[in-house]
């Protein structure tokens, strides 16, 4: 029988270097860790790798665990982090594979052929983060999101299609300029992007089911946040977003993040919506949010509801 006293004893022994105690911890906690990974990644190689890596990290950092009785929850947090990190990287890789085969500027060739290398990823993000906000988000949506058409981008950003085209042309020219000027990759920008991706994956995945994640995300919104929907109608106040979540909860609707992208103070979150049988039309099939942060809090949001 697995008791708290047993766990404390095994953790203490494992910290003291007893291999047998660590093997017991592994055997007892593997099923729970696997269940966490399955709920996030499904039955995929990512789930298996996330669990295995989590046990390695836990073994190496066991001496840092202050509350020995919290070993299980601590391990599951590591598993969760590994899962979202893997999903984030895979989604970026998939979007890179979808970049235009017939590039119209040299930098698209660079992205298509070298983005999988960390140095190239870091260098590209370092170049993108220098773009003006309007150019960066237009470029991000066009080449990395699931809403790549000029019409979708125009609807999301509430600008004419002609503006989208103009911004893309300017963005690609400036990307070439920044690429030449910054030959050394600044990995901190890419690492920070991954941290924000993990935060939003975790928040959106659990926002309808757990008050902790809902409250944490709502606190992340500026109290006077401006939320703009596709028809260019704006509302002010984080209570608006909180009200949307509460309305979803009442009718059994929920969402699931399918992709999160971040560069600098901009993040793009794409989600799939699920409705209850009693209220099948409460939410559209999916949506995309463009989040603009200022001093760590989201002060603006563009929210676009997909019709299919």
Protein backbone atom coordinates (compact mmCIF):
# COMPACT_ATOMS: atom_id res chain seq x y z
CA UNK A 1 0.00 0.00 0.00
CA UNK A 2 1.36 3.43 -1.00
CA UNK A 3 1.35 5.72 2.04
CA UNK A 4 2.80 9.15 2.70
CA UNK A 5 5.22 7.61 5.18
CA UNK A 6 6.44 5.19 2.52
CA UNK A 7 7.02 8.00 0.04
CA UNK A 8 8.97 10.06 2.57
CA UNK A 9 11.15 7.08 3.43
CA UNK A 10 11.86 6.23 -0.20
CA UNK A 11 12.61 9.83 -1.15
CA UNK A 12 14.99 10.24 1.78
CA UNK A 13 16.74 7.00 0.89
CA UNK A 14 16.93 7.92 -2.80
CA UNK A 15 18.47 11.27 -1.89
CA UNK A 16 21.02 9.40 0.15
CA UNK A 17 22.01 7.46 -2.97
CA UNK A 18 20.12 4.20 -2.47
CA UNK A 19 19.33 2.89 -5.93
CA UNK A 20 16.70 0.44 -4.68
CA UNK A 21 14.66 3.28 -3.18
CA UNK A 22 14.79 5.23 -6.44
CA UNK A 23 13.66 2.16 -8.37
CA UNK A 24 10.66 1.87 -6.05
CA UNK A 25 9.78 5.53 -6.58
CA UNK A 26 10.04 5.00 -10.32
CA UNK A 27 7.79 1.93 -10.24
CA UNK A 28 5.16 3.52 -7.99
CA UNK A 29 4.95 6.88 -9.75
CA UNK A 30 5.37 5.85 -13.38
CA UNK A 31 1.63 5.08 -13.95
CA UNK A 32 0.58 8.52 -12.68
CA UNK A 33 3.24 10.30 -14.69
CA UNK A 34 2.25 8.33 -17.79
CA UNK A 35 -1.41 9.28 -17.28
CA UNK A 36 -0.45 12.98 -17.14
CA UNK A 37 1.57 12.68 -20.35
CA UNK A 38 -1.24 10.81 -22.13
CA UNK A 39 -3.78 13.49 -21.20
CA UNK A 40 -1.60 16.15 -22.83
CA UNK A 41 0.22 14.43 -25.70
CA UNK A 42 -1.96 11.41 -26.36
CA UNK A 43 -0.41 8.02 -27.02
CA UNK A 44 2.57 9.43 -28.90
CA UNK A 45 6.36 9.20 -28.68
CA UNK A 46 6.24 12.66 -27.09
CA UNK A 47 4.40 11.25 -24.07
CA UNK A 48 6.94 8.49 -23.54
CA UNK A 49 9.90 10.84 -23.93
CA UNK A 50 8.35 13.38 -21.58
CA UNK A 51 7.96 10.79 -18.81
CA UNK A 52 11.43 9.32 -19.24
CA UNK A 53 13.04 12.77 -19.29
CA UNK A 54 11.03 13.79 -16.22
CA UNK A 55 12.42 10.90 -14.17
CA UNK A 56 15.95 11.77 -15.27
CA UNK A 57 15.45 15.42 -14.27
CA UNK A 58 13.85 14.40 -10.96
CA UNK A 59 16.75 12.07 -10.18
CA UNK A 60 19.32 14.75 -10.91
CA UNK A 61 17.48 17.47 -8.99
CA UNK A 62 16.09 15.40 -6.12
CA UNK A 63 18.35 17.24 -3.68
CA UNK A 64 16.53 20.48 -4.59
CA UNK A 65 13.12 19.18 -3.49
CA UNK A 66 12.29 20.92 -0.21
CA UNK A 67 8.98 19.20 0.59
CA UNK A 68 9.74 15.50 0.27
CA UNK A 69 6.08 14.58 0.63
CA UNK A 70 5.35 16.50 -2.59
CA UNK A 71 7.50 14.23 -4.75
CA UNK A 72 4.53 13.01 -6.83
CA UNK A 73 3.12 16.44 -7.64
CA UNK A 74 6.64 17.77 -8.28
CA UNK A 75 7.31 14.94 -10.73
CA UNK A 76 4.00 15.53 -12.51
CA UNK A 77 4.84 19.22 -12.93
CA UNK A 78 8.08 18.22 -14.63
CA UNK A 79 6.15 15.82 -16.89
CA UNK A 80 3.66 18.56 -17.76
CA UNK A 81 6.44 21.01 -18.59
CA UNK A 82 8.17 18.44 -20.80
CA UNK A 83 4.93 17.66 -22.64
CA UNK A 84 4.08 21.27 -23.46
CA UNK A 85 7.68 21.97 -24.43
CA UNK A 86 7.61 19.02 -26.85
CA UNK A 87 4.25 20.07 -28.30
CA UNK A 88 5.47 23.62 -28.77
CA UNK A 89 8.56 22.49 -30.65
CA UNK A 90 6.59 20.04 -32.79
CA UNK A 91 4.03 22.68 -33.75
CA UNK A 92 6.79 25.07 -34.77
CA UNK A 93 8.43 22.29 -36.81
CA UNK A 94 5.13 21.50 -38.57
CA UNK A 95 4.59 25.14 -39.46
CA UNK A 96 8.10 25.44 -40.79
CA UNK A 97 7.47 22.43 -43.03
CA UNK A 98 4.43 24.30 -44.41
CA UNK A 99 6.36 27.41 -45.43
CA UNK A 100 6.17 28.29 -49.14
CA UNK A 101 8.12 25.95 -51.40
CA UNK A 102 8.52 28.75 -53.94
CA UNK A 103 10.15 31.47 -51.82
CA UNK A 104 9.73 35.04 -52.96
CA UNK A 105 12.60 36.34 -50.82
CA UNK A 106 15.87 34.83 -49.68
CA UNK A 107 14.99 34.71 -45.99
CA UNK A 108 12.15 32.21 -46.55
CA UNK A 109 14.76 29.78 -47.91
CA UNK A 110 16.73 30.30 -44.72
CA UNK A 111 13.69 29.52 -42.61
CA UNK A 112 12.72 26.45 -44.60
CA UNK A 113 16.18 24.87 -44.58
CA UNK A 114 17.61 25.86 -41.21
CA UNK A 115 14.81 26.52 -38.75
CA UNK A 116 15.16 23.11 -37.11
CA UNK A 117 18.63 24.04 -35.93
CA UNK A 118 18.58 25.85 -32.60
CA UNK A 119 21.07 28.46 -33.73
CA UNK A 120 18.92 29.33 -36.74
CA UNK A 121 15.76 29.36 -34.61
CA UNK A 122 17.36 31.76 -32.17
CA UNK A 123 18.69 33.99 -34.92
CA UNK A 124 15.32 34.16 -36.68
CA UNK A 125 13.52 35.05 -33.46
CA UNK A 126 16.17 37.67 -32.69
CA UNK A 127 15.52 39.20 -36.12
CA UNK A 128 11.73 39.01 -35.83
CA UNK A 129 11.64 40.61 -32.39
CA UNK A 130 13.19 43.75 -33.90
CA UNK A 131 10.31 44.19 -36.33
CA UNK A 132 7.68 46.79 -35.47
CA UNK A 133 4.72 45.21 -33.73
CA UNK A 134 2.33 45.43 -36.69
CA UNK A 135 4.84 43.84 -39.08
CA UNK A 136 5.87 41.09 -36.68
CA UNK A 137 2.35 39.88 -35.93
CA UNK A 138 1.40 39.94 -39.63
CA UNK A 139 4.48 37.89 -40.49
CA UNK A 140 3.80 35.50 -37.60
CA UNK A 141 0.23 34.83 -38.68
CA UNK A 142 1.11 34.44 -42.36
CA UNK A 143 3.93 31.91 -42.00
CA UNK A 144 3.48 30.21 -38.64
CA UNK A 145 -0.21 30.13 -37.67
CA UNK A 146 -3.11 28.05 -38.90
CA UNK A 147 -4.82 31.22 -40.16
CA UNK A 148 -2.55 32.11 -43.05
CA UNK A 149 -4.87 33.54 -45.68
CA UNK A 150 -4.85 37.28 -46.27
CA UNK A 151 -8.56 37.35 -45.46
CA UNK A 152 -8.10 35.59 -42.11
CA UNK A 153 -5.21 37.84 -41.14
CA UNK A 154 -7.19 40.93 -42.10
CA UNK A 155 -10.14 39.74 -39.99
CA UNK A 156 -7.96 38.89 -36.99
CA UNK A 157 -6.14 42.21 -37.00
CA UNK A 158 -9.14 44.26 -38.16
CA UNK A 159 -7.29 45.83 -41.09
CA UNK A 160 -7.90 45.83 -44.88
CA UNK A 161 -6.38 43.02 -46.98
CA UNK A 162 -4.28 45.61 -48.80
CA UNK A 163 -2.71 46.56 -45.46
CA UNK A 164 -1.86 42.91 -44.82
CA UNK A 165 -0.06 42.66 -48.16
CA UNK A 166 1.82 45.90 -47.57
CA UNK A 167 2.90 44.88 -44.08
CA UNK A 168 4.15 41.51 -45.30
CA UNK A 169 6.30 43.14 -47.96
CA UNK A 170 7.76 45.54 -45.40
CA UNK A 171 8.30 42.74 -42.89
CA UNK A 172 10.27 40.58 -45.30
CA UNK A 173 12.48 43.47 -46.33
CA UNK A 174 13.24 44.35 -42.71
CA UNK A 175 13.83 40.67 -41.86
CA UNK A 176 16.56 40.56 -44.50
CA UNK A 177 18.10 43.70 -43.04
CA UNK A 178 18.05 42.45 -39.44
CA UNK A 179 19.32 39.02 -40.50
CA UNK A 180 22.41 40.59 -42.01
CA UNK A 181 23.00 42.83 -39.01
CA UNK A 182 22.66 40.09 -36.39
CA UNK A 183 24.85 37.17 -37.35
CA UNK A 184 25.16 35.95 -33.76
CA UNK A 185 22.04 34.27 -32.39
CA UNK A 186 20.59 35.55 -29.12
CA UNK A 187 19.20 32.34 -27.64
CA UNK A 188 17.56 34.15 -24.73
CA UNK A 189 14.76 35.45 -26.97
CA UNK A 190 13.90 31.96 -28.21
CA UNK A 191 14.09 30.50 -24.69
CA UNK A 192 11.82 33.22 -23.34
CA UNK A 193 9.37 32.48 -26.16
CA UNK A 194 9.24 28.82 -25.14
CA UNK A 195 8.57 29.79 -21.52
CA UNK A 196 5.60 31.94 -22.54
CA UNK A 197 4.37 29.13 -24.81
CA UNK A 198 4.44 26.72 -21.88
CA UNK A 199 2.55 29.18 -19.67
CA UNK A 200 -0.23 29.64 -22.22
CA UNK A 201 -0.46 25.94 -23.07
CA UNK A 202 -0.90 25.14 -19.38
CA UNK A 203 -3.39 27.95 -18.77
CA UNK A 204 -5.61 27.35 -21.79
CA UNK A 205 -5.56 23.57 -21.36
CA UNK A 206 -6.97 23.79 -17.83
CA UNK A 207 -8.77 27.13 -17.80
CA UNK A 208 -12.28 25.56 -17.86
CA UNK A 209 -11.55 22.76 -15.40
CA UNK A 210 -9.44 24.28 -12.65
CA UNK A 211 -9.98 27.55 -10.82
CA UNK A 212 -6.25 27.80 -10.14
CA UNK A 213 -5.40 28.06 -13.84
CA UNK A 214 -8.39 30.26 -14.60
CA UNK A 215 -7.55 32.71 -11.83
CA UNK A 216 -3.87 32.70 -12.73
CA UNK A 217 -4.66 33.56 -16.34
CA UNK A 218 -7.22 36.23 -15.45
CA UNK A 219 -4.64 37.83 -13.14
CA UNK A 220 -2.25 37.79 -16.10
CA UNK A 221 -4.67 40.09 -17.94
CA UNK A 222 -4.48 43.81 -17.30
CA UNK A 223 -7.59 44.95 -15.44
CA UNK A 224 -8.35 47.37 -18.30
CA UNK A 225 -7.44 45.03 -21.15
CA UNK A 226 -8.95 45.97 -24.52
CA UNK A 227 -10.47 42.95 -26.29
CA UNK A 228 -11.19 43.41 -30.00
CA UNK A 229 -13.22 40.86 -31.96
CA UNK A 230 -13.17 40.30 -35.71
CA UNK A 231 -15.82 42.88 -36.52
CA UNK A 232 -13.66 45.55 -34.86
CA UNK A 233 -15.93 45.84 -31.82
CA UNK A 234 -13.95 46.39 -28.63
CA UNK A 235 -14.67 45.75 -24.96
CA UNK A 236 -12.61 46.81 -21.98
CA UNK A 237 -11.86 44.93 -18.76
CA UNK A 238 -10.62 41.48 -17.86
CA UNK A 239 -14.03 40.73 -16.37
CA UNK A 240 -15.20 40.38 -20.00
CA UNK A 241 -12.89 37.43 -20.59
CA UNK A 242 -13.65 35.92 -17.20
CA UNK A 243 -17.35 36.16 -18.02
CA UNK A 244 -16.81 34.25 -21.27
CA UNK A 245 -15.08 31.43 -19.38
CA UNK A 246 -17.83 31.27 -16.74
CA UNK A 247 -20.53 31.17 -19.45
CA UNK A 248 -18.68 28.28 -21.12
CA UNK A 249 -18.45 26.40 -17.84
CA UNK A 250 -22.17 26.69 -17.18
CA UNK A 251 -23.07 24.95 -20.44
CA UNK A 252 -20.25 22.43 -20.39
CA UNK A 253 -18.11 23.93 -23.16
CA UNK A 254 -14.32 23.77 -23.01
CA UNK A 255 -11.32 24.41 -25.20
CA UNK A 256 -7.99 22.81 -25.98
CA UNK A 257 -4.88 24.62 -27.22
CA UNK A 258 -3.56 23.31 -30.52
CA UNK A 259 -0.74 25.80 -31.05
CA UNK A 260 0.96 28.61 -29.17
CA UNK A 261 3.54 30.91 -30.74
CA UNK A 262 5.47 33.70 -29.06
CA UNK A 263 8.04 36.25 -30.14
CA UNK A 264 8.88 39.11 -27.82
CA UNK A 265 5.78 40.64 -26.24
CA UNK A 266 3.42 39.03 -28.80
CA UNK A 267 1.79 35.61 -28.47
CA UNK A 268 -0.65 33.78 -30.74
CA UNK A 269 -2.88 31.10 -29.20
CA UNK A 270 -4.94 28.80 -31.41
CA UNK A 271 -7.59 26.63 -29.74
CA UNK A 272 -10.19 24.04 -30.61
CA UNK A 273 -13.61 24.34 -28.93
CA UNK A 274 -15.74 21.46 -27.62
CA UNK A 275 -19.43 21.86 -26.77
CA UNK A 276 -21.72 19.69 -24.68
CA UNK A 277 -24.48 17.63 -26.30
CA UNK A 278 -27.05 19.89 -24.62
CA UNK A 279 -25.52 23.08 -26.09
CA UNK A 280 -23.85 22.03 -29.36
CA UNK A 281 -23.76 25.55 -30.82
CA UNK A 282 -22.48 27.50 -27.83
CA UNK A 283 -18.93 27.95 -29.18
CA UNK A 284 -17.57 27.95 -32.75
CA UNK A 285 -15.23 25.13 -33.83
CA UNK A 286 -12.13 27.11 -32.95
CA UNK A 287 -10.61 30.49 -32.34
CA UNK A 288 -7.34 32.36 -32.33
CA UNK A 289 -6.19 35.01 -29.88
CA UNK A 290 -3.42 37.53 -30.44
CA UNK A 291 -2.07 38.64 -27.07
CA UNK A 292 -0.06 41.85 -26.59
CA UNK A 293 1.86 42.08 -23.31
CA UNK A 294 3.10 45.17 -21.53
CA UNK A 295 5.30 44.65 -18.46
CA UNK A 296 4.30 41.00 -18.29
CA UNK A 297 0.53 41.54 -18.48
CA UNK A 298 -1.75 41.30 -21.49
CA UNK A 299 -3.19 44.75 -22.14
CA UNK A 300 -4.66 44.03 -25.59
CA UNK A 301 -6.24 40.99 -27.20
CA UNK A 302 -7.53 40.35 -30.71
CA UNK A 303 -10.04 37.50 -30.65
CA UNK A 304 -11.15 35.80 -33.87
CA UNK A 305 -13.78 33.05 -33.94
CA UNK A 306 -13.45 30.47 -36.71
CA UNK A 307 -16.59 29.43 -38.55
CA UNK A 308 -15.29 26.02 -39.64
